[in-house]
Amino acid sequence: MFIQTFVALGYTESESKILVEAQRLASQTLSRDTHTHEYSERMAATIIDFYKRGIKDPGIISTLVVNREMALEQKREKDKRTAQRRIREQKRRSRSAERPDDLSRQ
């Protein structure tokens, strides 16, 4: 998000600079584009949440955001692997159910 966006949300220019710097640091650490990455808005919302909780240091905010994003990525990958495994199991079950009984005994 740009400084103007945070200002439009009701933050002062100095507060907006902190929020923008936190997003820049987090995006840089994650090798993501600050404005075009599919999760940039989620990151901005998380940055705002940490700021509202009283954390005003952009370095600390960005570290917390990076840790959260990495945890979400790990969960997404785990969920993807679980879904792929379930699909393989369903295919295996359907193939074995399609076999005639006399062929499956041989």
PDB file of N, CA and C in Angstrom:
ATOM      1  N   MET A   1       0.838  -1.178   0.000  1.00  0.00           N
ATOM      2  CA  MET A   1       0.000   0.000   0.000  1.00  0.00           C
ATOM      3  C   MET A   1       0.884   1.242   0.000  1.00  0.00           C
ATOM      4  N   PHE A   2       0.385   2.282  -0.585  1.00  0.00           N
ATOM      5  CA  PHE A   2       1.097   3.541  -0.613  1.00  0.00           C
ATOM      6  C   PHE A   2       0.765   4.351   0.635  1.00  0.00           C
ATOM      7  N   ILE A   3       1.603   5.336   0.926  1.00  0.00           N
ATOM      8  CA  ILE A   3       1.363   6.210   2.072  1.00  0.00           C
ATOM      9  C   ILE A   3      -0.023   6.840   1.970  1.00  0.00           C
ATOM     10  N   GLN A   4      -0.403   7.269   0.757  1.00  0.00           N
ATOM     11  CA  GLN A   4      -1.705   7.918   0.567  1.00  0.00           C
ATOM     12  C   GLN A   4      -2.853   6.989   0.971  1.00  0.00           C
ATOM     13  N   THR A   5      -2.665   5.698   0.725  1.00  0.00           N
ATOM     14  CA  THR A   5      -3.714   4.736   1.072  1.00  0.00           C
ATOM     15  C   THR A   5      -3.896   4.668   2.580  1.00  0.00           C
ATOM     16  N   PHE A   6      -2.778   4.613   3.309  1.00  0.00           N
ATOM     17  CA  PHE A   6      -2.877   4.579   4.768  1.00  0.00           C
ATOM     18  C   PHE A   6      -3.440   5.898   5.305  1.00  0.00           C
ATOM     19  N   VAL A   7      -3.053   7.014   4.697  1.00  0.00           N
ATOM     20  CA  VAL A   7      -3.592   8.321   5.097  1.00  0.00           C
ATOM     21  C   VAL A   7      -5.097   8.326   4.867  1.00  0.00           C
ATOM     22  N   ALA A   8      -5.530   7.770   3.742  1.00  0.00           N
ATOM     23  CA  ALA A   8      -6.967   7.703   3.444  1.00  0.00           C
ATOM     24  C   ALA A   8      -7.707   6.837   4.464  1.00  0.00           C
ATOM     25  N   LEU A   9      -7.003   5.887   5.064  1.00  0.00           N
ATOM     26  CA  LEU A   9      -7.615   5.031   6.084  1.00  0.00           C
ATOM     27  C   LEU A   9      -7.643   5.718   7.459  1.00  0.00           C
ATOM     28  N   GLY A  10      -7.083   6.935   7.528  1.00  0.00           N
ATOM     29  CA  GLY A  10      -7.147   7.687   8.778  1.00  0.00           C
ATOM     30  C   GLY A  10      -5.844   7.751   9.556  1.00  0.00           C
ATOM     31  N   TYR A  11      -4.777   7.225   8.992  1.00  0.00           N
ATOM     32  CA  TYR A  11      -3.473   7.280   9.658  1.00  0.00           C
ATOM     33  C   TYR A  11      -2.771   8.582   9.280  1.00  0.00           C
ATOM     34  N   THR A  12      -1.986   9.113  10.226  1.00  0.00           N
ATOM     35  CA  THR A  12      -1.211  10.313   9.928  1.00  0.00           C
ATOM     36  C   THR A  12      -0.104   9.952   8.953  1.00  0.00           C
ATOM     37  N   GLU A  13       0.539  10.954   8.417  1.00  0.00           N
ATOM     38  CA  GLU A  13       1.629  10.684   7.475  1.00  0.00           C
ATOM     39  C   GLU A  13       2.781   9.952   8.169  1.00  0.00           C
ATOM     40  N   SER A  14       3.088  10.322   9.411  1.00  0.00           N
ATOM     41  CA  SER A  14       4.180   9.632  10.122  1.00  0.00           C
ATOM     42  C   SER A  14       3.801   8.185  10.446  1.00  0.00           C
ATOM     43  N   GLU A  15       2.548   7.942  10.797  1.00  0.00           N
ATOM     44  CA  GLU A  15       2.094   6.560  11.031  1.00  0.00           C
ATOM     45  C   GLU A  15       2.134   5.771   9.725  1.00  0.00           C
ATOM     46  N   SER A  16       1.713   6.404   8.656  1.00  0.00           N
ATOM     47  CA  SER A  16       1.699   5.749   7.346  1.00  0.00           C
ATOM     48  C   SER A  16       3.100   5.358   6.908  1.00  0.00           C
ATOM     49  N   LYS A  17       4.085   6.208   7.202  1.00  0.00           N
ATOM     50  CA  LYS A  17       5.470   5.880   6.851  1.00  0.00           C
ATOM     51  C   LYS A  17       5.940   4.623   7.577  1.00  0.00           C
ATOM     52  N   ILE A  18       5.536   4.462   8.824  1.00  0.00           N
ATOM     53  CA  ILE A  18       5.881   3.256   9.591  1.00  0.00           C
ATOM     54  C   ILE A  18       5.237   2.032   8.941  1.00  0.00           C
ATOM     55  N   LEU A  19       3.965   2.155   8.603  1.00  0.00           N
ATOM     56  CA  LEU A  19       3.234   1.035   8.001  1.00  0.00           C
ATOM     57  C   LEU A  19       3.812   0.662   6.637  1.00  0.00           C
ATOM     58  N   VAL A  20       4.143   1.650   5.826  1.00  0.00           N
ATOM     59  CA  VAL A  20       4.721   1.401   4.508  1.00  0.00           C
ATOM     60  C   VAL A  20       6.093   0.749   4.647  1.00  0.00           C
ATOM     61  N   GLU A  21       6.899   1.234   5.595  1.00  0.00           N
ATOM     62  CA  GLU A  21       8.225   0.646   5.804  1.00  0.00           C
ATOM     63  C   GLU A  21       8.112  -0.800   6.276  1.00  0.00           C
ATOM     64  N   ALA A  22       7.172  -1.074   7.149  1.00  0.00           N
ATOM     65  CA  ALA A  22       6.969  -2.463   7.604  1.00  0.00           C
ATOM     66  C   ALA A  22       6.585  -3.357   6.433  1.00  0.00           C
ATOM     67  N   GLN A  23       5.717  -2.855   5.559  1.00  0.00           N
ATOM     68  CA  GLN A  23       5.318  -3.652   4.397  1.00  0.00           C
ATOM     69  C   GLN A  23       6.480  -3.828   3.429  1.00  0.00           C
ATOM     70  N   ARG A  24       7.265  -2.789   3.239  1.00  0.00           N
ATOM     71  CA  ARG A  24       8.422  -2.880   2.342  1.00  0.00           C
ATOM     72  C   ARG A  24       9.422  -3.917   2.865  1.00  0.00           C
ATOM     73  N   LEU A  25       9.707  -3.875   4.166  1.00  0.00           N
ATOM     74  CA  LEU A  25      10.656  -4.824   4.754  1.00  0.00           C
ATOM     75  C   LEU A  25      10.142  -6.259   4.657  1.00  0.00           C
ATOM     76  N   ALA A  26       8.874  -6.452   4.978  1.00  0.00           N
ATOM     77  CA  ALA A  26       8.300  -7.804   4.919  1.00  0.00           C
ATOM     78  C   ALA A  26       8.288  -8.327   3.480  1.00  0.00           C
ATOM     79  N   SER A  27       7.890  -7.482   2.549  1.00  0.00           N
ATOM     80  CA  SER A  27       7.856  -7.893   1.144  1.00  0.00           C
ATOM     81  C   SER A  27       9.251  -8.226   0.634  1.00  0.00           C
ATOM     82  N   GLN A  28      10.222  -7.419   1.023  1.00  0.00           N
ATOM     83  CA  GLN A  28      11.608  -7.656   0.613  1.00  0.00           C
ATOM     84  C   GLN A  28      12.107  -8.989   1.175  1.00  0.00           C
ATOM     85  N   THR A  29      11.826  -9.253   2.440  1.00  0.00           N
ATOM     86  CA  THR A  29      12.262 -10.506   3.066  1.00  0.00           C
ATOM     87  C   THR A  29      11.636 -11.709   2.378  1.00  0.00           C
ATOM     88  N   LEU A  30      10.367 -11.579   1.988  1.00  0.00           N
ATOM     89  CA  LEU A  30       9.647 -12.680   1.346  1.00  0.00           C
ATOM     90  C   LEU A  30       9.825 -12.710  -0.174  1.00  0.00           C
ATOM     91  N   SER A  31      10.611 -11.780  -0.695  1.00  0.00           N
ATOM     92  CA  SER A  31      10.823 -11.650  -2.148  1.00  0.00           C
ATOM     93  C   SER A  31       9.500 -11.490  -2.892  1.00  0.00           C
ATOM     94  N   ARG A  32       8.680 -10.609  -2.380  1.00  0.00           N
ATOM     95  CA  ARG A  32       7.378 -10.341  -2.987  1.00  0.00           C
ATOM     96  C   ARG A  32       7.306  -8.884  -3.412  1.00  0.00           C
ATOM     97  N   ASP A  33       6.545  -8.612  -4.456  1.00  0.00           N
ATOM     98  CA  ASP A  33       6.299  -7.234  -4.853  1.00  0.00           C
ATOM     99  C   ASP A  33       5.301  -6.631  -3.869  1.00  0.00           C
ATOM    100  N   THR A  34       5.617  -5.453  -3.402  1.00  0.00           N
ATOM    101  CA  THR A  34       4.796  -4.793  -2.387  1.00  0.00           C
ATOM    102  C   THR A  34       3.368  -4.533  -2.848  1.00  0.00           C
ATOM    103  N   HIS A  35       3.200  -4.260  -4.122  1.00  0.00           N
ATOM    104  CA  HIS A  35       1.890  -3.822  -4.607  1.00  0.00           C
ATOM    105  C   HIS A  35       1.126  -4.869  -5.406  1.00  0.00           C
ATOM    106  N   THR A  36       1.827  -5.770  -6.074  1.00  0.00           N
ATOM    107  CA  THR A  36       1.123  -6.670  -6.992  1.00  0.00           C
ATOM    108  C   THR A  36       1.013  -8.109  -6.522  1.00  0.00           C
ATOM    109  N   HIS A  37       1.714  -8.478  -5.464  1.00  0.00           N
ATOM    110  CA  HIS A  37       1.638  -9.870  -5.011  1.00  0.00           C
ATOM    111  C   HIS A  37       0.226 -10.173  -4.526  1.00  0.00           C
ATOM    112  N   GLU A  38      -0.209 -11.409  -4.754  1.00  0.00           N
ATOM    113  CA  GLU A  38      -1.593 -11.769  -4.420  1.00  0.00           C
ATOM    114  C   GLU A  38      -1.914 -11.629  -2.933  1.00  0.00           C
ATOM    115  N   TYR A  39      -0.916 -11.653  -2.068  1.00  0.00           N
ATOM    116  CA  TYR A  39      -1.169 -11.541  -0.627  1.00  0.00           C
ATOM    117  C   TYR A  39      -0.754 -10.192  -0.046  1.00  0.00           C
ATOM    118  N   SER A  40      -0.484  -9.205  -0.879  1.00  0.00           N
ATOM    119  CA  SER A  40      -0.037  -7.904  -0.361  1.00  0.00           C
ATOM    120  C   SER A  40      -1.117  -7.218   0.484  1.00  0.00           C
ATOM    121  N   GLU A  41      -2.366  -7.366   0.119  1.00  0.00           N
ATOM    122  CA  GLU A  41      -3.436  -6.759   0.916  1.00  0.00           C
ATOM    123  C   GLU A  41      -3.592  -7.462   2.258  1.00  0.00           C
ATOM    124  N   ARG A  42      -3.446  -8.782   2.265  1.00  0.00           N
ATOM    125  CA  ARG A  42      -3.504  -9.522   3.529  1.00  0.00           C
ATOM    126  C   ARG A  42      -2.360  -9.087   4.443  1.00  0.00           C
ATOM    127  N   MET A  43      -1.167  -8.928   3.846  1.00  0.00           N
ATOM    128  CA  MET A  43      -0.022  -8.477   4.630  1.00  0.00           C
ATOM    129  C   MET A  43      -0.278  -7.084   5.196  1.00  0.00           C
ATOM    130  N   ALA A  44      -0.843  -6.194   4.387  1.00  0.00           N
ATOM    131  CA  ALA A  44      -1.135  -4.834   4.847  1.00  0.00           C
ATOM    132  C   ALA A  44      -2.121  -4.868   6.016  1.00  0.00           C
ATOM    133  N   ALA A  45      -3.123  -5.702   5.921  1.00  0.00           N
ATOM    134  CA  ALA A  45      -4.101  -5.826   7.008  1.00  0.00           C
ATOM    135  C   ALA A  45      -3.438  -6.347   8.279  1.00  0.00           C
ATOM    136  N   THR A  46      -2.519  -7.291   8.133  1.00  0.00           N
ATOM    137  CA  THR A  46      -1.808  -7.830   9.285  1.00  0.00           C
ATOM    138  C   THR A  46      -0.902  -6.768   9.898  1.00  0.00           C
ATOM    139  N   ILE A  47      -0.247  -5.989   9.049  1.00  0.00           N
ATOM    140  CA  ILE A  47       0.610  -4.894   9.527  1.00  0.00           C
ATOM    141  C   ILE A  47      -0.229  -3.902  10.331  1.00  0.00           C
ATOM    142  N   ILE A  48      -1.381  -3.543   9.808  1.00  0.00           N
ATOM    143  CA  ILE A  48      -2.269  -2.620  10.517  1.00  0.00           C
ATOM    144  C   ILE A  48      -2.693  -3.215  11.850  1.00  0.00           C
ATOM    145  N   ASP A  49      -3.004  -4.504  11.859  1.00  0.00           N
ATOM    146  CA  ASP A  49      -3.416  -5.171  13.087  1.00  0.00           C
ATOM    147  C   ASP A  49      -2.313  -5.091  14.149  1.00  0.00           C
ATOM    148  N   PHE A  50      -1.085  -5.405  13.770  1.00  0.00           N
ATOM    149  CA  PHE A  50       0.016  -5.316  14.730  1.00  0.00           C
ATOM    150  C   PHE A  50       0.221  -3.869  15.191  1.00  0.00           C
ATOM    151  N   TYR A  51       0.092  -2.927  14.288  1.00  0.00           N
ATOM    152  CA  TYR A  51       0.244  -1.516  14.645  1.00  0.00           C
ATOM    153  C   TYR A  51      -0.830  -1.110  15.653  1.00  0.00           C
ATOM    154  N   LYS A  52      -2.071  -1.528  15.405  1.00  0.00           N
ATOM    155  CA  LYS A  52      -3.168  -1.215  16.324  1.00  0.00           C
ATOM    156  C   LYS A  52      -2.952  -1.838  17.701  1.00  0.00           C
ATOM    157  N   ARG A  53      -2.230  -2.955  17.738  1.00  0.00           N
ATOM    158  CA  ARG A  53      -1.941  -3.615  19.018  1.00  0.00           C
ATOM    159  C   ARG A  53      -0.827  -2.909  19.794  1.00  0.00           C
ATOM    160  N   GLY A  54      -0.265  -1.864  19.181  1.00  0.00           N
ATOM    161  CA  GLY A  54       0.726  -1.071  19.891  1.00  0.00           C
ATOM    162  C   GLY A  54       2.160  -1.266  19.456  1.00  0.00           C
ATOM    163  N   ILE A  55       2.388  -2.086  18.445  1.00  0.00           N
ATOM    164  CA  ILE A  55       3.753  -2.295  17.953  1.00  0.00           C
ATOM    165  C   ILE A  55       4.024  -1.219  16.907  1.00  0.00           C
ATOM    166  N   LYS A  56       4.974  -0.359  17.190  1.00  0.00           N
ATOM    167  CA  LYS A  56       5.224   0.800  16.325  1.00  0.00           C
ATOM    168  C   LYS A  56       6.544   0.714  15.563  1.00  0.00           C
ATOM    169  N   ASP A  57       7.337  -0.303  15.815  1.00  0.00           N
ATOM    170  CA  ASP A  57       8.625  -0.456  15.133  1.00  0.00           C
ATOM    171  C   ASP A  57       8.421  -1.247  13.842  1.00  0.00           C
ATOM    172  N   PRO A  58       8.730  -0.645  12.673  1.00  0.00           N
ATOM    173  CA  PRO A  58       8.496  -1.346  11.408  1.00  0.00           C
ATOM    174  C   PRO A  58       9.303  -2.644  11.277  1.00  0.00           C
ATOM    175  N   GLY A  59      10.483  -2.702  11.877  1.00  0.00           N
ATOM    176  CA  GLY A  59      11.288  -3.927  11.837  1.00  0.00           C
ATOM    177  C   GLY A  59      10.630  -5.061  12.589  1.00  0.00           C
ATOM    178  N   ILE A  60      10.092  -4.751  13.757  1.00  0.00           N
ATOM    179  CA  ILE A  60       9.401  -5.779  14.549  1.00  0.00           C
ATOM    180  C   ILE A  60       8.117  -6.205  13.849  1.00  0.00           C
ATOM    181  N   ILE A  61       7.370  -5.233  13.359  1.00  0.00           N
ATOM    182  CA  ILE A  61       6.124  -5.560  12.641  1.00  0.00           C
ATOM    183  C   ILE A  61       6.429  -6.458  11.447  1.00  0.00           C
ATOM    184  N   SER A  62       7.441  -6.108  10.671  1.00  0.00           N
ATOM    185  CA  SER A  62       7.745  -6.897   9.474  1.00  0.00           C
ATOM    186  C   SER A  62       8.178  -8.310   9.845  1.00  0.00           C
ATOM    187  N   THR A  63       8.947  -8.448  10.925  1.00  0.00           N
ATOM    188  CA  THR A  63       9.352  -9.791  11.369  1.00  0.00           C
ATOM    189  C   THR A  63       8.137 -10.627  11.735  1.00  0.00           C
ATOM    190  N   LEU A  64       7.199 -10.029  12.456  1.00  0.00           N
ATOM    191  CA  LEU A  64       5.981 -10.755  12.834  1.00  0.00           C
ATOM    192  C   LEU A  64       5.156 -11.140  11.608  1.00  0.00           C
ATOM    193  N   VAL A  65       5.070 -10.222  10.662  1.00  0.00           N
ATOM    194  CA  VAL A  65       4.305 -10.482   9.430  1.00  0.00           C
ATOM    195  C   VAL A  65       4.975 -11.592   8.616  1.00  0.00           C
ATOM    196  N   VAL A  66       6.293 -11.546   8.500  1.00  0.00           N
ATOM    197  CA  VAL A  66       7.021 -12.584   7.758  1.00  0.00           C
ATOM    198  C   VAL A  66       6.785 -13.941   8.404  1.00  0.00           C
ATOM    199  N   ASN A  67       6.880 -14.009   9.719  1.00  0.00           N
ATOM    200  CA  ASN A  67       6.651 -15.283  10.415  1.00  0.00           C
ATOM    201  C   ASN A  67       5.237 -15.799  10.168  1.00  0.00           C
ATOM    202  N   ARG A  68       4.264 -14.894  10.190  1.00  0.00           N
ATOM    203  CA  ARG A  68       2.876 -15.294   9.938  1.00  0.00           C
ATOM    204  C   ARG A  68       2.694 -15.780   8.506  1.00  0.00           C
ATOM    205  N   GLU A  69       3.248 -15.048   7.562  1.00  0.00           N
ATOM    206  CA  GLU A  69       3.135 -15.435   6.156  1.00  0.00           C
ATOM    207  C   GLU A  69       3.797 -16.792   5.895  1.00  0.00           C
ATOM    208  N   MET A  70       4.936 -17.019   6.511  1.00  0.00           N
ATOM    209  CA  MET A  70       5.620 -18.303   6.323  1.00  0.00           C
ATOM    210  C   MET A  70       4.805 -19.445   6.926  1.00  0.00           C
ATOM    211  N   ALA A  71       4.185 -19.205   8.077  1.00  0.00           N
ATOM    212  CA  ALA A  71       3.332 -20.225   8.690  1.00  0.00           C
ATOM    213  C   ALA A  71       2.120 -20.513   7.803  1.00  0.00           C
ATOM    214  N   LEU A  72       1.535 -19.468   7.235  1.00  0.00           N
ATOM    215  CA  LEU A  72       0.394 -19.668   6.337  1.00  0.00           C
ATOM    216  C   LEU A  72       0.802 -20.432   5.082  1.00  0.00           C
ATOM    217  N   GLU A  73       1.993 -20.129   4.561  1.00  0.00           N
ATOM    218  CA  GLU A  73       2.501 -20.837   3.376  1.00  0.00           C
ATOM    219  C   GLU A  73       2.720 -22.315   3.684  1.00  0.00           C
ATOM    220  N   GLN A  74       3.285 -22.610   4.844  1.00  0.00           N
ATOM    221  CA  GLN A  74       3.502 -24.005   5.238  1.00  0.00           C
ATOM    222  C   GLN A  74       2.174 -24.733   5.387  1.00  0.00           C
ATOM    223  N   LYS A  75       1.183 -24.069   5.970  1.00  0.00           N
ATOM    224  CA  LYS A  75      -0.140 -24.688   6.125  1.00  0.00           C
ATOM    225  C   LYS A  75      -0.773 -24.928   4.762  1.00  0.00           C
ATOM    226  N   ARG A  76      -0.656 -23.947   3.864  1.00  0.00           N
ATOM    227  CA  ARG A  76      -1.222 -24.094   2.523  1.00  0.00           C
ATOM    228  C   ARG A  76      -0.573 -25.268   1.794  1.00  0.00           C
ATOM    229  N   GLU A  77       0.737 -25.407   1.902  1.00  0.00           N
ATOM    230  CA  GLU A  77       1.441 -26.527   1.268  1.00  0.00           C
ATOM    231  C   GLU A  77       1.026 -27.860   1.887  1.00  0.00           C
ATOM    232  N   LYS A  78       0.876 -27.890   3.199  1.00  0.00           N
ATOM    233  CA  LYS A  78       0.444 -29.116   3.866  1.00  0.00           C
ATOM    234  C   LYS A  78      -0.967 -29.495   3.423  1.00  0.00           C
ATOM    235  N   ASP A  79      -1.856 -28.502   3.360  1.00  0.00           N
ATOM    236  CA  ASP A  79      -3.230 -28.765   2.911  1.00  0.00           C
ATOM    237  C   ASP A  79      -3.245 -29.268   1.465  1.00  0.00           C
ATOM    238  N   LYS A  80      -2.369 -28.712   0.640  1.00  0.00           N
ATOM    239  CA  LYS A  80      -2.283 -29.135  -0.762  1.00  0.00           C
ATOM    240  C   LYS A  80      -1.828 -30.588  -0.852  1.00  0.00           C
ATOM    241  N   ARG A  81      -0.805 -30.934  -0.069  1.00  0.00           N
ATOM    242  CA  ARG A  81      -0.322 -32.329  -0.073  1.00  0.00           C
ATOM    243  C   ARG A  81      -1.392 -33.278   0.441  1.00  0.00           C
ATOM    244  N   THR A  82      -2.119 -32.863   1.465  1.00  0.00           N
ATOM    245  CA  THR A  82      -3.191 -33.697   2.012  1.00  0.00           C
ATOM    246  C   THR A  82      -4.275 -33.922   0.964  1.00  0.00           C
ATOM    247  N   ALA A  83      -4.651 -32.875   0.256  1.00  0.00           N
ATOM    248  CA  ALA A  83      -5.680 -32.994  -0.788  1.00  0.00           C
ATOM    249  C   ALA A  83      -5.208 -33.909  -1.908  1.00  0.00           C
ATOM    250  N   GLN A  84      -3.943 -33.778  -2.311  1.00  0.00           N
ATOM    251  CA  GLN A  84      -3.406 -34.639  -3.363  1.00  0.00           C
ATOM    252  C   GLN A  84      -3.389 -36.102  -2.917  1.00  0.00           C
ATOM    253  N   ARG A  85      -3.021 -36.337  -1.659  1.00  0.00           N
ATOM    254  CA  ARG A  85      -3.005 -37.702  -1.140  1.00  0.00           C
ATOM    255  C   ARG A  85      -4.413 -38.292  -1.130  1.00  0.00           C
ATOM    256  N   ARG A  86      -5.396 -37.493  -0.730  1.00  0.00           N
ATOM    257  CA  ARG A  86      -6.783 -37.979  -0.704  1.00  0.00           C
ATOM    258  C   ARG A  86      -7.271 -38.317  -2.105  1.00  0.00           C
ATOM    259  N   ILE A  87      -6.909 -37.519  -3.073  1.00  0.00           N
ATOM    260  CA  ILE A  87      -7.305 -37.785  -4.460  1.00  0.00           C
ATOM    261  C   ILE A  87      -6.693 -39.100  -4.936  1.00  0.00           C
ATOM    262  N   ARG A  88      -5.409 -39.308  -4.632  1.00  0.00           N
ATOM    263  CA  ARG A  88      -4.762 -40.568  -5.025  1.00  0.00           C
ATOM    264  C   ARG A  88      -5.435 -41.765  -4.357  1.00  0.00           C
ATOM    265  N   GLU A  89      -5.779 -41.626  -3.077  1.00  0.00           N
ATOM    266  CA  GLU A  89      -6.451 -42.715  -2.363  1.00  0.00           C
ATOM    267  C   GLU A  89      -7.825 -43.008  -2.949  1.00  0.00           C
ATOM    268  N   GLN A  90      -8.558 -41.962  -3.306  1.00  0.00           N
ATOM    269  CA  GLN A  90      -9.876 -42.159  -3.912  1.00  0.00           C
ATOM    270  C   GLN A  90      -9.761 -42.848  -5.260  1.00  0.00           C
ATOM    271  N   LYS A  91      -8.778 -42.466  -6.052  1.00  0.00           N
ATOM    272  CA  LYS A  91      -8.568 -43.116  -7.347  1.00  0.00           C
ATOM    273  C   LYS A  91      -8.216 -44.578  -7.158  1.00  0.00           C
ATOM    274  N   ARG A  92      -7.349 -44.858  -6.185  1.00  0.00           N
ATOM    275  CA  ARG A  92      -6.944 -46.240  -5.925  1.00  0.00           C
ATOM    276  C   ARG A  92      -8.158 -47.065  -5.490  1.00  0.00           C
ATOM    277  N   ARG A  93      -8.999 -46.516  -4.613  1.00  0.00           N
ATOM    278  CA  ARG A  93     -10.192 -47.232  -4.155  1.00  0.00           C
ATOM    279  C   ARG A  93     -11.172 -47.470  -5.298  1.00  0.00           C
ATOM    280  N   SER A  94     -11.341 -46.466  -6.150  1.00  0.00           N
ATOM    281  CA  SER A  94     -12.295 -46.626  -7.246  1.00  0.00           C
ATOM    282  C   SER A  94     -11.790 -47.646  -8.258  1.00  0.00           C
ATOM    283  N   ARG A  95     -10.483 -47.692  -8.490  1.00  0.00           N
ATOM    284  CA  ARG A  95      -9.933 -48.704  -9.408  1.00  0.00           C
ATOM    285  C   ARG A  95     -10.112 -50.100  -8.838  1.00  0.00           C
ATOM    286  N   SER A  96      -9.878 -50.247  -7.534  1.00  0.00           N
ATOM    287  CA  SER A  96     -10.033 -51.582  -6.950  1.00  0.00           C
ATOM    288  C   SER A  96     -11.500 -51.989  -6.877  1.00  0.00           C
ATOM    289  N   ALA A  97     -12.399 -51.040  -6.748  1.00  0.00           N
ATOM    290  CA  ALA A  97     -13.831 -51.355  -6.717  1.00  0.00           C
ATOM    291  C   ALA A  97     -14.349 -51.722  -8.098  1.00  0.00           C
ATOM    292  N   GLU A  98     -13.702 -51.257  -9.148  1.00  0.00           N
ATOM    293  CA  GLU A  98     -14.124 -51.549 -10.509  1.00  0.00           C
ATOM    294  C   GLU A  98     -13.717 -52.944 -10.960  1.00  0.00           C
ATOM    295  N   ARG A  99     -12.729 -53.532 -10.299  1.00  0.00           N
ATOM    296  CA  ARG A  99     -12.265 -54.861 -10.697  1.00  0.00           C
ATOM    297  C   ARG A  99     -13.297 -55.929 -10.329  1.00  0.00           C
ATOM    298  N   PRO A 100     -13.518 -56.876 -11.222  1.00  0.00           N
ATOM    299  CA  PRO A 100     -14.399 -57.996 -10.857  1.00  0.00           C
ATOM    300  C   PRO A 100     -13.763 -58.807  -9.739  1.00  0.00           C
ATOM    301  N   ASP A 101     -14.590 -59.418  -8.916  1.00  0.00           N
ATOM    302  CA  ASP A 101     -14.099 -60.185  -7.771  1.00  0.00           C
ATOM    303  C   ASP A 101     -13.135 -61.278  -8.168  1.00  0.00           C
ATOM    304  N   ASP A 102     -13.417 -61.991  -9.256  1.00  0.00           N
ATOM    305  CA  ASP A 102     -12.539 -63.110  -9.621  1.00  0.00           C
ATOM    306  C   ASP A 102     -11.153 -62.626 -10.068  1.00  0.00           C
ATOM    307  N   LEU A 103     -11.035 -61.435 -10.642  1.00  0.00           N
ATOM    308  CA  LEU A 103      -9.721 -60.923 -11.055  1.00  0.00           C
ATOM    309  C   LEU A 103      -8.934 -60.428  -9.854  1.00  0.00           C
ATOM    310  N   SER A 104      -9.599 -59.882  -8.872  1.00  0.00           N
ATOM    311  CA  SER A 104      -8.887 -59.351  -7.721  1.00  0.00           C
ATOM    312  C   SER A 104      -8.365 -60.459  -6.831  1.00  0.00           C
ATOM    313  N   ARG A 105      -8.867 -61.710  -6.961  1.00  0.00           N
ATOM    314  CA  ARG A 105      -8.398 -62.831  -6.150  1.00  0.00           C
ATOM    315  C   ARG A 105      -7.178 -63.494  -6.739  1.00  0.00           C
ATOM    316  N   GLN A 106      -6.899 -63.264  -8.000  1.00  0.00           N
ATOM    317  CA  GLN A 106      -5.781 -63.948  -8.664  1.00  0.00           C
ATOM    318  C   GLN A 106      -4.452 -63.420  -8.253  1.00  0.00           C
TER     319      GLN A 106
END
